[in-house]
Amino acid sequence: MRFDTGLGLTSVDHLTSLVTGSHQNGARLIVDFWPDAFVTLENVQPDQISWNDVSVLS
């Protein structure tokens, strides 16, 4: 998964510092970002993905 927001994110560590929580809703994994953003991953269980699967483009 790649994040390219154009907002100056510099690394995966920078991105993870913005995560405020995550939760499972049926077949959805929802990652919350402060203050009012979230990413919903369909048909993904928490044990199927890690931060090693994430890239940040600036």
PDB file of N, CA and C in Angstrom:
ATOM      1  N   MET A   1       0.844  -1.141   0.000  1.00  0.00           N
ATOM      2  CA  MET A   1       0.000   0.000   0.000  1.00  0.00           C
ATOM      3  C   MET A   1       0.907   1.226   0.000  1.00  0.00           C
ATOM      4  N   ARG A   2       0.563   2.227  -0.810  1.00  0.00           N
ATOM      5  CA  ARG A   2       1.349   3.457  -0.897  1.00  0.00           C
ATOM      6  C   ARG A   2       0.516   4.650  -0.466  1.00  0.00           C
ATOM      7  N   PHE A   3       1.156   5.529   0.271  1.00  0.00           N
ATOM      8  CA  PHE A   3       0.529   6.783   0.669  1.00  0.00           C
ATOM      9  C   PHE A   3       1.258   7.915  -0.022  1.00  0.00           C
ATOM     10  N   ASP A   4       0.558   8.682  -0.826  1.00  0.00           N
ATOM     11  CA  ASP A   4       1.103   9.857  -1.499  1.00  0.00           C
ATOM     12  C   ASP A   4       0.085  10.975  -1.328  1.00  0.00           C
ATOM     13  N   THR A   5       0.184  11.676  -0.223  1.00  0.00           N
ATOM     14  CA  THR A   5      -0.813  12.691   0.095  1.00  0.00           C
ATOM     15  C   THR A   5      -0.439  14.070  -0.415  1.00  0.00           C
ATOM     16  N   GLY A   6       0.842  14.265  -0.747  1.00  0.00           N
ATOM     17  CA  GLY A   6       1.295  15.592  -1.128  1.00  0.00           C
ATOM     18  C   GLY A   6       1.335  16.546   0.054  1.00  0.00           C
ATOM     19  N   LEU A   7       1.260  15.993   1.264  1.00  0.00           N
ATOM     20  CA  LEU A   7       1.211  16.824   2.465  1.00  0.00           C
ATOM     21  C   LEU A   7       2.506  16.793   3.268  1.00  0.00           C
ATOM     22  N   GLY A   8       3.572  16.294   2.675  1.00  0.00           N
ATOM     23  CA  GLY A   8       4.862  16.336   3.349  1.00  0.00           C
ATOM     24  C   GLY A   8       5.184  15.155   4.243  1.00  0.00           C
ATOM     25  N   LEU A   9       4.472  14.051   4.100  1.00  0.00           N
ATOM     26  CA  LEU A   9       4.858  12.865   4.852  1.00  0.00           C
ATOM     27  C   LEU A   9       6.245  12.443   4.405  1.00  0.00           C
ATOM     28  N   THR A  10       7.090  12.068   5.353  1.00  0.00           N
ATOM     29  CA  THR A  10       8.481  11.790   5.015  1.00  0.00           C
ATOM     30  C   THR A  10       8.877  10.330   5.138  1.00  0.00           C
ATOM     31  N   SER A  11       8.102   9.536   5.870  1.00  0.00           N
ATOM     32  CA  SER A  11       8.486   8.143   6.095  1.00  0.00           C
ATOM     33  C   SER A  11       7.302   7.366   6.666  1.00  0.00           C
ATOM     34  N   VAL A  12       7.462   6.057   6.718  1.00  0.00           N
ATOM     35  CA  VAL A  12       6.441   5.224   7.347  1.00  0.00           C
ATOM     36  C   VAL A  12       6.345   5.578   8.832  1.00  0.00           C
ATOM     37  N   ASP A  13       7.487   5.855   9.480  1.00  0.00           N
ATOM     38  CA  ASP A  13       7.457   6.256  10.890  1.00  0.00           C
ATOM     39  C   ASP A  13       6.638   7.529  11.082  1.00  0.00           C
ATOM     40  N   HIS A  14       6.797   8.473  10.174  1.00  0.00           N
ATOM     41  CA  HIS A  14       6.013   9.712  10.233  1.00  0.00           C
ATOM     42  C   HIS A  14       4.525   9.384  10.106  1.00  0.00           C
ATOM     43  N   LEU A  15       4.175   8.516   9.169  1.00  0.00           N
ATOM     44  CA  LEU A  15       2.782   8.116   8.980  1.00  0.00           C
ATOM     45  C   LEU A  15       2.235   7.414  10.217  1.00  0.00           C
ATOM     46  N   THR A  16       3.004   6.487  10.779  1.00  0.00           N
ATOM     47  CA  THR A  16       2.520   5.756  11.956  1.00  0.00           C
ATOM     48  C   THR A  16       2.318   6.676  13.152  1.00  0.00           C
ATOM     49  N   SER A  17       3.064   7.764  13.220  1.00  0.00           N
ATOM     50  CA  SER A  17       2.886   8.697  14.338  1.00  0.00           C
ATOM     51  C   SER A  17       1.532   9.405  14.276  1.00  0.00           C
ATOM     52  N   LEU A  18       0.876   9.366  13.132  1.00  0.00           N
ATOM     53  CA  LEU A  18      -0.426  10.008  12.957  1.00  0.00           C
ATOM     54  C   LEU A  18      -1.601   9.059  13.185  1.00  0.00           C
ATOM     55  N   VAL A  19      -1.313   7.767  13.359  1.00  0.00           N
ATOM     56  CA  VAL A  19      -2.367   6.782  13.589  1.00  0.00           C
ATOM     57  C   VAL A  19      -2.894   6.933  15.014  1.00  0.00           C
ATOM     58  N   THR A  20      -4.197   7.064  15.138  1.00  0.00           N
ATOM     59  CA  THR A  20      -4.813   7.202  16.459  1.00  0.00           C
ATOM     60  C   THR A  20      -5.534   5.936  16.905  1.00  0.00           C
ATOM     61  N   GLY A  21      -5.646   4.960  16.016  1.00  0.00           N
ATOM     62  CA  GLY A  21      -6.285   3.706  16.390  1.00  0.00           C
ATOM     63  C   GLY A  21      -6.614   2.871  15.177  1.00  0.00           C
ATOM     64  N   SER A  22      -7.059   1.666  15.447  1.00  0.00           N
ATOM     65  CA  SER A  22      -7.529   0.786  14.376  1.00  0.00           C
ATOM     66  C   SER A  22      -8.557  -0.158  14.971  1.00  0.00           C
ATOM     67  N   HIS A  23      -9.442  -0.637  14.118  1.00  0.00           N
ATOM     68  CA  HIS A  23     -10.439  -1.591  14.578  1.00  0.00           C
ATOM     69  C   HIS A  23     -10.956  -2.412  13.411  1.00  0.00           C
ATOM     70  N   GLN A  24     -11.525  -3.544  13.758  1.00  0.00           N
ATOM     71  CA  GLN A  24     -12.093  -4.469  12.790  1.00  0.00           C
ATOM     72  C   GLN A  24     -13.599  -4.266  12.765  1.00  0.00           C
ATOM     73  N   ASN A  25     -14.168  -4.228  11.569  1.00  0.00           N
ATOM     74  CA  ASN A  25     -15.621  -4.132  11.406  1.00  0.00           C
ATOM     75  C   ASN A  25     -16.010  -5.149  10.342  1.00  0.00           C
ATOM     76  N   GLY A  26     -16.338  -6.338  10.770  1.00  0.00           N
ATOM     77  CA  GLY A  26     -16.633  -7.404   9.818  1.00  0.00           C
ATOM     78  C   GLY A  26     -15.388  -7.750   9.028  1.00  0.00           C
ATOM     79  N   ALA A  27     -15.472  -7.656   7.697  1.00  0.00           N
ATOM     80  CA  ALA A  27     -14.339  -7.964   6.826  1.00  0.00           C
ATOM     81  C   ALA A  27     -13.472  -6.738   6.560  1.00  0.00           C
ATOM     82  N   ARG A  28     -13.696  -5.665   7.303  1.00  0.00           N
ATOM     83  CA  ARG A  28     -12.957  -4.418   7.084  1.00  0.00           C
ATOM     84  C   ARG A  28     -11.981  -4.163   8.229  1.00  0.00           C
ATOM     85  N   LEU A  29     -10.777  -3.733   7.874  1.00  0.00           N
ATOM     86  CA  LEU A  29      -9.809  -3.225   8.840  1.00  0.00           C
ATOM     87  C   LEU A  29      -9.770  -1.717   8.648  1.00  0.00           C
ATOM     88  N   ILE A  30     -10.059  -0.979   9.693  1.00  0.00           N
ATOM     89  CA  ILE A  30     -10.133   0.475   9.608  1.00  0.00           C
ATOM     90  C   ILE A  30      -9.011   1.068  10.444  1.00  0.00           C
ATOM     91  N   VAL A  31      -8.183   1.895   9.811  1.00  0.00           N
ATOM     92  CA  VAL A  31      -7.081   2.578  10.483  1.00  0.00           C
ATOM     93  C   VAL A  31      -7.456   4.047  10.589  1.00  0.00           C
ATOM     94  N   ASP A  32      -7.483   4.540  11.821  1.00  0.00           N
ATOM     95  CA  ASP A  32      -7.879   5.924  12.084  1.00  0.00           C
ATOM     96  C   ASP A  32      -6.650   6.821  12.171  1.00  0.00           C
ATOM     97  N   PHE A  33      -6.771   8.011  11.586  1.00  0.00           N
ATOM     98  CA  PHE A  33      -5.724   9.025  11.630  1.00  0.00           C
ATOM     99  C   PHE A  33      -6.310  10.281  12.251  1.00  0.00           C
ATOM    100  N   TRP A  34      -5.534  10.929  13.049  1.00  0.00           N
ATOM    101  CA  TRP A  34      -5.981  12.152  13.709  1.00  0.00           C
ATOM    102  C   TRP A  34      -5.979  13.283  12.719  1.00  0.00           C
ATOM    103  N   PRO A  35      -6.912  14.213  12.717  1.00  0.00           N
ATOM    104  CA  PRO A  35      -8.097  14.229  13.564  1.00  0.00           C
ATOM    105  C   PRO A  35      -9.309  13.574  12.917  1.00  0.00           C
ATOM    106  N   ASP A  36      -9.471  13.663  11.620  1.00  0.00           N
ATOM    107  CA  ASP A  36     -10.737  13.229  11.010  1.00  0.00           C
ATOM    108  C   ASP A  36     -10.551  12.402   9.751  1.00  0.00           C
ATOM    109  N   ALA A  37      -9.575  11.535   9.736  1.00  0.00           N
ATOM    110  CA  ALA A  37      -9.338  10.740   8.531  1.00  0.00           C
ATOM    111  C   ALA A  37      -9.209   9.267   8.913  1.00  0.00           C
ATOM    112  N   PHE A  38      -9.537   8.417   7.966  1.00  0.00           N
ATOM    113  CA  PHE A  38      -9.366   6.987   8.177  1.00  0.00           C
ATOM    114  C   PHE A  38      -9.164   6.312   6.830  1.00  0.00           C
ATOM    115  N   VAL A  39      -8.581   5.120   6.885  1.00  0.00           N
ATOM    116  CA  VAL A  39      -8.407   4.279   5.708  1.00  0.00           C
ATOM    117  C   VAL A  39      -9.114   2.966   6.006  1.00  0.00           C
ATOM    118  N   THR A  40      -9.962   2.537   5.083  1.00  0.00           N
ATOM    119  CA  THR A  40     -10.672   1.273   5.231  1.00  0.00           C
ATOM    120  C   THR A  40     -10.093   0.273   4.244  1.00  0.00           C
ATOM    121  N   LEU A  41      -9.646  -0.853   4.765  1.00  0.00           N
ATOM    122  CA  LEU A  41      -9.109  -1.932   3.938  1.00  0.00           C
ATOM    123  C   LEU A  41     -10.146  -3.049   3.913  1.00  0.00           C
ATOM    124  N   GLU A  42     -10.661  -3.342   2.743  1.00  0.00           N
ATOM    125  CA  GLU A  42     -11.691  -4.372   2.580  1.00  0.00           C
ATOM    126  C   GLU A  42     -11.058  -5.757   2.552  1.00  0.00           C
ATOM    127  N   ASN A  43     -11.693  -6.690   3.235  1.00  0.00           N
ATOM    128  CA  ASN A  43     -11.277  -8.097   3.247  1.00  0.00           C
ATOM    129  C   ASN A  43      -9.838  -8.284   3.695  1.00  0.00           C
ATOM    130  N   VAL A  44      -9.411  -7.483   4.667  1.00  0.00           N
ATOM    131  CA  VAL A  44      -8.068  -7.596   5.237  1.00  0.00           C
ATOM    132  C   VAL A  44      -8.201  -7.814   6.738  1.00  0.00           C
ATOM    133  N   GLN A  45      -7.587  -8.876   7.213  1.00  0.00           N
ATOM    134  CA  GLN A  45      -7.531  -9.139   8.645  1.00  0.00           C
ATOM    135  C   GLN A  45      -6.244  -8.519   9.201  1.00  0.00           C
ATOM    136  N   PRO A  46      -6.234  -8.117  10.476  1.00  0.00           N
ATOM    137  CA  PRO A  46      -5.052  -7.466  11.042  1.00  0.00           C
ATOM    138  C   PRO A  46      -3.768  -8.279  10.909  1.00  0.00           C
ATOM    139  N   ASP A  47      -3.864  -9.600  10.938  1.00  0.00           N
ATOM    140  CA  ASP A  47      -2.651 -10.414  10.835  1.00  0.00           C
ATOM    141  C   ASP A  47      -2.192 -10.613   9.386  1.00  0.00           C
ATOM    142  N   GLN A  48      -2.890 -10.024   8.424  1.00  0.00           N
ATOM    143  CA  GLN A  48      -2.532 -10.165   7.009  1.00  0.00           C
ATOM    144  C   GLN A  48      -1.737  -8.983   6.471  1.00  0.00           C
ATOM    145  N   ILE A  49      -1.503  -7.960   7.285  1.00  0.00           N
ATOM    146  CA  ILE A  49      -0.825  -6.766   6.807  1.00  0.00           C
ATOM    147  C   ILE A  49       0.051  -6.216   7.928  1.00  0.00           C
ATOM    148  N   SER A  50       1.151  -5.586   7.538  1.00  0.00           N
ATOM    149  CA  SER A  50       2.026  -4.953   8.525  1.00  0.00           C
ATOM    150  C   SER A  50       2.560  -3.657   7.936  1.00  0.00           C
ATOM    151  N   TRP A  51       3.260  -2.889   8.757  1.00  0.00           N
ATOM    152  CA  TRP A  51       3.839  -1.633   8.265  1.00  0.00           C
ATOM    153  C   TRP A  51       4.922  -1.897   7.222  1.00  0.00           C
ATOM    154  N   ASN A  52       5.438  -3.125   7.132  1.00  0.00           N
ATOM    155  CA  ASN A  52       6.400  -3.471   6.079  1.00  0.00           C
ATOM    156  C   ASN A  52       5.751  -3.465   4.699  1.00  0.00           C
ATOM    157  N   ASP A  53       4.418  -3.500   4.651  1.00  0.00           N
ATOM    158  CA  ASP A  53       3.678  -3.481   3.388  1.00  0.00           C
ATOM    159  C   ASP A  53       3.325  -2.067   2.935  1.00  0.00           C
ATOM    160  N   VAL A  54       3.772  -1.062   3.675  1.00  0.00           N
ATOM    161  CA  VAL A  54       3.389   0.327   3.423  1.00  0.00           C
ATOM    162  C   VAL A  54       4.580   1.122   2.905  1.00  0.00           C
ATOM    163  N   SER A  55       4.331   1.969   1.906  1.00  0.00           N
ATOM    164  CA  SER A  55       5.337   2.903   1.386  1.00  0.00           C
ATOM    165  C   SER A  55       4.780   4.312   1.469  1.00  0.00           C
ATOM    166  N   VAL A  56       5.651   5.265   1.715  1.00  0.00           N
ATOM    167  CA  VAL A  56       5.264   6.670   1.739  1.00  0.00           C
ATOM    168  C   VAL A  56       6.003   7.382   0.621  1.00  0.00           C
ATOM    169  N   LEU A  57       5.262   8.053  -0.238  1.00  0.00           N
ATOM    170  CA  LEU A  57       5.844   8.853  -1.314  1.00  0.00           C
ATOM    171  C   LEU A  57       5.656  10.317  -0.957  1.00  0.00           C
ATOM    172  N   SER A  58       6.683  11.099  -1.119  1.00  0.00           N
ATOM    173  CA  SER A  58       6.558  12.528  -0.795  1.00  0.00           C
ATOM    174  C   SER A  58       6.741  13.368  -2.028  1.00  0.00           C
TER     175      SER A  58
END
